[in-house]
Amino acid sequence: MGVDGNPEIRRAGPATSANFPFPYNIEEELEGADKLEIKANKADLELYIDRQILKNKNLRKVVEKSPSIRQDVKSAVVVTAADM
């Protein structure tokens, strides 16, 4: 039964594969919608990563033990973001 006896209205719940027909294609839903290209500056990405490391105690410990990981993470994120 739906909300207030209306079977067409359902309460919102977690988005799971059970909520969407499989395979779900978001492109069909967005057909005709305006598209925006969002890009992040390399320096902004690196600053964001540095801030996340500072905020997260576990990440800080890992980077303190192996400082080269910081640059490895930055490089991987920048390359991945460029390919998106």
N, C-alpha and C. Protein backbone atom coordinates (compact mmCIF):
# COMPACT_ATOMS: atom_id res chain seq x y z
N MET A 1 0.85 -1.18 0.00
CA MET A 1 0.00 0.00 0.00
C MET A 1 0.89 1.23 0.00
N GLY A 2 0.49 2.24 -0.67
CA GLY A 2 1.25 3.47 -0.77
C GLY A 2 0.98 4.43 0.37
N VAL A 3 1.34 5.67 0.19
CA VAL A 3 1.16 6.70 1.20
C VAL A 3 -0.30 7.17 1.18
N ASP A 4 -0.89 7.30 2.36
CA ASP A 4 -2.27 7.77 2.51
C ASP A 4 -3.24 6.97 1.64
N GLY A 5 -3.00 5.68 1.51
CA GLY A 5 -3.90 4.83 0.76
C GLY A 5 -3.76 4.91 -0.75
N ASN A 6 -2.89 5.77 -1.23
CA ASN A 6 -2.69 5.92 -2.68
C ASN A 6 -1.56 4.99 -3.11
N PRO A 7 -1.86 3.96 -3.91
CA PRO A 7 -0.83 3.00 -4.31
C PRO A 7 0.21 3.61 -5.25
N GLU A 8 -0.07 4.77 -5.82
CA GLU A 8 0.87 5.39 -6.75
C GLU A 8 1.97 6.18 -6.04
N ILE A 9 1.76 6.50 -4.76
CA ILE A 9 2.74 7.28 -4.00
C ILE A 9 3.41 6.35 -3.01
N ARG A 10 4.74 6.26 -3.11
CA ARG A 10 5.49 5.42 -2.19
C ARG A 10 6.41 6.30 -1.35
N ARG A 11 6.69 5.85 -0.16
CA ARG A 11 7.66 6.57 0.67
C ARG A 11 9.04 6.39 0.05
N ALA A 12 9.85 7.45 0.14
CA ALA A 12 11.21 7.37 -0.39
C ALA A 12 12.02 6.41 0.47
N GLY A 13 12.84 5.64 -0.18
CA GLY A 13 13.70 4.71 0.52
C GLY A 13 15.07 4.74 -0.13
N PRO A 14 15.95 3.87 0.31
CA PRO A 14 17.29 3.85 -0.27
C PRO A 14 17.23 3.46 -1.75
N ALA A 15 18.11 4.08 -2.53
CA ALA A 15 18.19 3.76 -3.95
C ALA A 15 18.98 2.46 -4.11
N THR A 16 18.30 1.42 -4.46
CA THR A 16 18.95 0.13 -4.67
C THR A 16 18.57 -0.37 -6.05
N SER A 17 19.21 -1.43 -6.46
CA SER A 17 18.89 -1.97 -7.78
C SER A 17 17.43 -2.43 -7.84
N ALA A 18 16.82 -2.69 -6.68
CA ALA A 18 15.42 -3.10 -6.67
C ALA A 18 14.49 -1.94 -7.03
N ASN A 19 14.97 -0.68 -6.88
CA ASN A 19 14.16 0.48 -7.18
C ASN A 19 14.19 0.85 -8.66
N PHE A 20 15.13 0.32 -9.41
CA PHE A 20 15.31 0.70 -10.80
C PHE A 20 15.21 -0.54 -11.69
N PRO A 21 14.65 -0.36 -12.88
CA PRO A 21 14.66 -1.49 -13.81
C PRO A 21 16.10 -1.83 -14.17
N PHE A 22 16.37 -3.09 -14.36
CA PHE A 22 17.74 -3.49 -14.69
C PHE A 22 17.81 -3.89 -16.15
N PRO A 23 18.77 -3.50 -16.93
CA PRO A 23 19.82 -2.55 -16.55
C PRO A 23 19.29 -1.12 -16.63
N TYR A 24 19.67 -0.30 -15.67
CA TYR A 24 19.22 1.09 -15.60
C TYR A 24 20.15 1.96 -16.42
N ASN A 25 19.58 2.77 -17.29
CA ASN A 25 20.38 3.64 -18.16
C ASN A 25 20.00 5.10 -17.89
N ILE A 26 20.84 5.80 -17.14
CA ILE A 26 20.56 7.19 -16.79
C ILE A 26 20.53 8.08 -18.03
N GLU A 27 21.27 7.69 -19.07
CA GLU A 27 21.29 8.50 -20.30
C GLU A 27 19.90 8.63 -20.90
N GLU A 28 19.11 7.56 -20.83
CA GLU A 28 17.74 7.63 -21.36
C GLU A 28 16.91 8.64 -20.57
N GLU A 29 17.08 8.64 -19.26
CA GLU A 29 16.32 9.56 -18.40
C GLU A 29 16.71 11.01 -18.67
N LEU A 30 17.96 11.24 -19.01
CA LEU A 30 18.46 12.60 -19.18
C LEU A 30 18.47 13.05 -20.63
N GLU A 31 17.92 12.24 -21.51
CA GLU A 31 17.91 12.59 -22.93
C GLU A 31 17.25 13.96 -23.13
N GLY A 32 17.92 14.83 -23.83
CA GLY A 32 17.41 16.16 -24.09
C GLY A 32 17.76 17.18 -23.03
N ALA A 33 18.32 16.75 -21.90
CA ALA A 33 18.70 17.68 -20.84
C ALA A 33 20.00 18.39 -21.21
N ASP A 34 20.19 19.57 -20.69
CA ASP A 34 21.44 20.28 -20.90
C ASP A 34 22.57 19.53 -20.20
N LYS A 35 23.74 19.54 -20.81
CA LYS A 35 24.90 18.88 -20.22
C LYS A 35 25.92 19.94 -19.82
N LEU A 36 26.54 19.75 -18.68
CA LEU A 36 27.57 20.64 -18.20
C LEU A 36 28.88 19.87 -18.09
N GLU A 37 29.95 20.51 -18.46
CA GLU A 37 31.25 19.90 -18.28
C GLU A 37 31.89 20.54 -17.06
N ILE A 38 32.22 19.73 -16.10
CA ILE A 38 32.81 20.24 -14.86
C ILE A 38 34.23 19.72 -14.78
N LYS A 39 35.16 20.64 -14.62
CA LYS A 39 36.56 20.27 -14.52
C LYS A 39 37.15 20.86 -13.25
N ALA A 40 38.09 20.16 -12.68
CA ALA A 40 38.78 20.64 -11.50
C ALA A 40 40.22 20.96 -11.86
N ASN A 41 40.69 22.04 -11.35
CA ASN A 41 42.07 22.46 -11.52
C ASN A 41 42.97 21.49 -10.73
N LYS A 42 44.12 21.13 -11.30
CA LYS A 42 45.04 20.20 -10.64
C LYS A 42 45.41 20.69 -9.24
N ALA A 43 45.70 21.97 -9.12
CA ALA A 43 46.08 22.52 -7.81
C ALA A 43 44.94 22.41 -6.82
N ASP A 44 43.71 22.60 -7.28
CA ASP A 44 42.54 22.48 -6.39
C ASP A 44 42.37 21.03 -5.92
N LEU A 45 42.56 20.08 -6.82
CA LEU A 45 42.47 18.67 -6.44
C LEU A 45 43.53 18.33 -5.39
N GLU A 46 44.74 18.79 -5.61
CA GLU A 46 45.82 18.50 -4.67
C GLU A 46 45.57 19.15 -3.32
N LEU A 47 45.06 20.36 -3.32
CA LEU A 47 44.71 21.03 -2.07
C LEU A 47 43.61 20.27 -1.33
N TYR A 48 42.61 19.82 -2.07
CA TYR A 48 41.53 19.04 -1.47
C TYR A 48 42.07 17.77 -0.82
N ILE A 49 42.97 17.08 -1.51
CA ILE A 49 43.55 15.85 -0.96
C ILE A 49 44.34 16.16 0.31
N ASP A 50 45.13 17.22 0.28
CA ASP A 50 45.89 17.61 1.47
C ASP A 50 44.96 17.88 2.65
N ARG A 51 43.86 18.56 2.40
CA ARG A 51 42.89 18.87 3.46
C ARG A 51 42.25 17.59 4.01
N GLN A 52 41.92 16.66 3.11
CA GLN A 52 41.32 15.40 3.55
C GLN A 52 42.29 14.61 4.41
N ILE A 53 43.55 14.62 4.04
CA ILE A 53 44.57 13.92 4.83
C ILE A 53 44.68 14.56 6.21
N LEU A 54 44.67 15.88 6.27
CA LEU A 54 44.76 16.57 7.56
C LEU A 54 43.54 16.27 8.45
N LYS A 55 42.37 16.17 7.84
CA LYS A 55 41.14 15.95 8.60
C LYS A 55 40.98 14.51 9.09
N ASN A 56 41.60 13.56 8.42
CA ASN A 56 41.38 12.16 8.73
C ASN A 56 42.60 11.57 9.45
N LYS A 57 42.38 11.18 10.71
CA LYS A 57 43.47 10.66 11.54
C LYS A 57 44.15 9.44 10.91
N ASN A 58 43.36 8.54 10.35
CA ASN A 58 43.94 7.33 9.74
C ASN A 58 44.79 7.67 8.53
N LEU A 59 44.29 8.57 7.68
CA LEU A 59 45.08 8.97 6.51
C LEU A 59 46.37 9.65 6.93
N ARG A 60 46.28 10.50 7.95
CA ARG A 60 47.48 11.18 8.45
C ARG A 60 48.54 10.18 8.89
N LYS A 61 48.11 9.15 9.62
CA LYS A 61 49.05 8.14 10.09
C LYS A 61 49.72 7.41 8.93
N VAL A 62 48.95 7.07 7.92
CA VAL A 62 49.50 6.36 6.76
C VAL A 62 50.54 7.23 6.06
N VAL A 63 50.21 8.50 5.86
CA VAL A 63 51.12 9.41 5.16
C VAL A 63 52.36 9.70 6.00
N GLU A 64 52.20 9.75 7.33
CA GLU A 64 53.36 9.96 8.19
C GLU A 64 54.33 8.78 8.10
N LYS A 65 53.79 7.56 7.99
CA LYS A 65 54.64 6.37 7.87
C LYS A 65 55.30 6.26 6.51
N SER A 66 54.59 6.71 5.49
CA SER A 66 55.10 6.61 4.12
C SER A 66 54.72 7.88 3.34
N PRO A 67 55.53 8.94 3.47
CA PRO A 67 55.20 10.23 2.86
C PRO A 67 55.00 10.19 1.34
N SER A 68 55.61 9.24 0.66
CA SER A 68 55.46 9.18 -0.80
C SER A 68 54.03 8.84 -1.22
N ILE A 69 53.26 8.26 -0.30
CA ILE A 69 51.87 7.91 -0.62
C ILE A 69 51.06 9.16 -0.96
N ARG A 70 51.36 10.27 -0.30
CA ARG A 70 50.63 11.52 -0.58
C ARG A 70 50.70 11.86 -2.06
N GLN A 71 51.89 11.83 -2.63
CA GLN A 71 52.05 12.18 -4.05
C GLN A 71 51.46 11.11 -4.95
N ASP A 72 51.56 9.85 -4.55
CA ASP A 72 50.96 8.77 -5.33
C ASP A 72 49.44 8.95 -5.43
N VAL A 73 48.81 9.30 -4.31
CA VAL A 73 47.37 9.51 -4.30
C VAL A 73 47.02 10.71 -5.17
N LYS A 74 47.75 11.80 -5.01
CA LYS A 74 47.49 13.00 -5.80
C LYS A 74 47.59 12.70 -7.29
N SER A 75 48.65 12.00 -7.68
CA SER A 75 48.84 11.68 -9.10
C SER A 75 47.70 10.81 -9.63
N ALA A 76 47.31 9.81 -8.85
CA ALA A 76 46.23 8.92 -9.28
C ALA A 76 44.91 9.67 -9.42
N VAL A 77 44.61 10.56 -8.48
CA VAL A 77 43.35 11.31 -8.55
C VAL A 77 43.35 12.27 -9.73
N VAL A 78 44.46 12.96 -9.95
CA VAL A 78 44.54 13.92 -11.06
C VAL A 78 44.37 13.20 -12.40
N VAL A 79 45.02 12.06 -12.56
CA VAL A 79 44.91 11.30 -13.82
C VAL A 79 43.48 10.78 -13.99
N THR A 80 42.91 10.25 -12.93
CA THR A 80 41.54 9.74 -13.02
C THR A 80 40.54 10.84 -13.33
N ALA A 81 40.70 11.98 -12.68
CA ALA A 81 39.79 13.11 -12.92
C ALA A 81 39.91 13.63 -14.36
N ALA A 82 41.10 13.58 -14.90
CA ALA A 82 41.30 14.06 -16.28
C ALA A 82 40.59 13.15 -17.28
N ASP A 83 40.43 11.87 -16.92
CA ASP A 83 39.79 10.91 -17.81
C ASP A 83 38.27 10.88 -17.68
N MET A 84 37.72 11.63 -16.77
CA MET A 84 36.27 11.60 -16.54
C MET A 84 35.55 12.49 -17.52
